[in-house]
């Protein structure tokens, strides 16, 4: 079985951008982080996976006014993919957005990143 057969999902990757901007009112310039409107990498073949069980697995947390999907998800992408810390990852099949933690290269074969679901996709 080839690694490409393992990649059964599609995702978009948005790299976080830093700009220096003053909020006005005579306040000093400070960094502002945001994601672009169009993905930096589009329709990437990848693999999302979650742990089963209560440790690290996905769980729904009831908040007001809506429930929140919390937990850890693992993303596997081909070697050479430009994925970075704090990138926004959009999962095509579910429509859910995640924030990537630091990606790790696995034995010169592929890259994995742990993803977190945050309510407003803030930087980790």
Protein backbone atom coordinates (compact mmCIF):
# COMPACT_ATOMS: atom_id res chain seq x y z
CA UNK A 1 0.00 0.00 0.00
CA UNK A 2 1.47 3.35 -1.04
CA UNK A 3 1.43 6.39 1.23
CA UNK A 4 -0.72 8.24 -1.32
CA UNK A 5 -3.44 5.60 -0.81
CA UNK A 6 -3.46 6.52 2.89
CA UNK A 7 -4.33 10.17 2.09
CA UNK A 8 -8.10 10.01 1.82
CA UNK A 9 -9.09 13.61 2.76
CA UNK A 10 -8.64 17.08 1.26
CA UNK A 11 -7.67 20.25 3.09
CA UNK A 12 -6.67 23.85 2.52
CA UNK A 13 -3.76 25.48 4.37
CA UNK A 14 -3.69 29.18 5.25
CA UNK A 15 -0.37 30.61 6.52
CA UNK A 16 -0.70 33.18 9.29
CA UNK A 17 0.42 36.70 8.27
CA UNK A 18 1.94 39.32 10.56
CA UNK A 19 1.44 43.02 9.90
CA UNK A 20 2.45 45.97 12.03
CA UNK A 21 -0.42 48.38 12.58
CA UNK A 22 -1.39 51.05 15.02
CA UNK A 23 -4.87 50.72 16.51
CA UNK A 24 -5.13 54.51 16.33
CA UNK A 25 -5.73 57.04 19.08
CA UNK A 26 -1.98 57.76 19.31
CA UNK A 27 -1.15 54.21 20.39
CA UNK A 28 2.14 52.68 19.19
CA UNK A 29 2.42 50.22 16.33
CA UNK A 30 1.97 46.60 17.38
CA UNK A 31 1.83 43.30 15.49
CA UNK A 32 -1.51 42.05 14.18
CA UNK A 33 -1.92 38.44 13.03
CA UNK A 34 -4.50 37.31 10.47
CA UNK A 35 -5.19 34.70 7.82
CA UNK A 36 -5.59 35.52 4.10
CA UNK A 37 -8.94 35.09 2.35
CA UNK A 38 -7.54 32.61 -0.19
CA UNK A 39 -5.62 29.47 0.85
CA UNK A 40 -1.85 29.27 0.35
CA UNK A 41 -2.21 25.55 -0.42
CA UNK A 42 -5.51 24.40 -1.88
CA UNK A 43 -7.06 20.90 -2.27
CA UNK A 44 -4.11 19.16 -0.57
CA UNK A 45 -4.46 15.39 -0.21
CA UNK A 46 -4.07 14.58 3.48
CA UNK A 47 -5.27 12.35 6.31
CA UNK A 48 -7.14 13.51 9.43
CA UNK A 49 -7.27 11.11 12.36
CA UNK A 50 -8.39 11.27 15.98
CA UNK A 51 -7.71 9.10 18.97
CA UNK A 52 -10.52 6.99 20.27
CA UNK A 53 -11.29 7.12 23.95
CA UNK A 54 -11.36 9.98 26.38
CA UNK A 55 -7.63 10.91 26.42
CA UNK A 56 -6.93 13.27 23.52
CA UNK A 57 -10.04 12.23 21.59
CA UNK A 58 -12.64 14.60 20.23
CA UNK A 59 -15.43 15.58 22.58
CA UNK A 60 -18.29 18.02 22.48
CA UNK A 61 -18.28 20.54 25.31
CA UNK A 62 -21.61 22.23 26.01
CA UNK A 63 -21.17 26.02 26.17
CA UNK A 64 -23.60 28.88 25.83
CA UNK A 65 -25.02 29.50 23.28
CA UNK A 66 -23.44 26.66 21.26
CA UNK A 67 -21.57 23.43 21.89
CA UNK A 68 -17.80 23.43 21.15
CA UNK A 69 -15.88 20.59 19.47
CA UNK A 70 -12.71 20.12 21.55
CA UNK A 71 -9.81 17.69 21.46
CA UNK A 72 -6.78 16.78 19.38
CA UNK A 73 -6.70 15.77 15.74
CA UNK A 74 -3.65 14.52 13.86
CA UNK A 75 -2.97 15.60 10.27
CA UNK A 76 -0.65 13.65 7.96
CA UNK A 77 0.59 15.34 4.77
CA UNK A 78 3.19 14.40 2.13
CA UNK A 79 6.84 15.26 2.72
CA UNK A 80 7.71 18.72 1.39
CA UNK A 81 4.34 20.29 2.21
CA UNK A 82 4.73 23.85 3.50
CA UNK A 83 2.86 23.58 6.80
CA UNK A 84 3.83 25.81 9.73
CA UNK A 85 3.05 26.54 13.35
CA UNK A 86 -0.31 28.38 13.72
CA UNK A 87 -1.46 27.66 10.16
CA UNK A 88 -5.23 27.44 9.69
CA UNK A 89 -6.28 24.08 8.26
CA UNK A 90 -9.70 23.74 6.61
CA UNK A 91 -11.09 20.19 6.35
CA UNK A 92 -13.17 19.94 3.16
CA UNK A 93 -15.38 17.00 4.16
CA UNK A 94 -16.44 18.34 7.56
CA UNK A 95 -16.10 22.10 7.00
CA UNK A 96 -14.20 22.43 10.30
CA UNK A 97 -11.21 24.75 10.73
CA UNK A 98 -8.23 23.86 12.93
CA UNK A 99 -5.02 25.54 14.09
CA UNK A 100 -1.78 23.58 13.59
CA UNK A 101 0.80 23.03 16.26
CA UNK A 102 4.47 22.59 15.31
CA UNK A 103 4.72 20.08 12.41
CA UNK A 104 7.09 17.11 12.76
CA UNK A 105 8.83 15.27 9.92
CA UNK A 106 8.56 11.50 10.33
CA UNK A 107 11.66 9.60 9.16
CA UNK A 108 12.04 11.47 5.87
CA UNK A 109 8.67 10.00 4.79
CA UNK A 110 5.81 12.35 5.70
CA UNK A 111 4.85 15.24 8.01
CA UNK A 112 2.39 15.17 10.89
CA UNK A 113 0.90 18.08 12.82
CA UNK A 114 -1.36 18.02 15.83
CA UNK A 115 -4.41 20.22 15.23
CA UNK A 116 -6.54 22.04 17.77
CA UNK A 117 -10.05 23.30 17.29
CA UNK A 118 -10.45 26.80 18.72
CA UNK A 119 -13.59 28.87 18.81
CA UNK A 120 -12.14 31.84 16.90
CA UNK A 121 -8.99 30.28 15.36
CA UNK A 122 -6.65 32.27 17.56
CA UNK A 123 -2.89 31.68 17.45
CA UNK A 124 -1.80 29.00 19.93
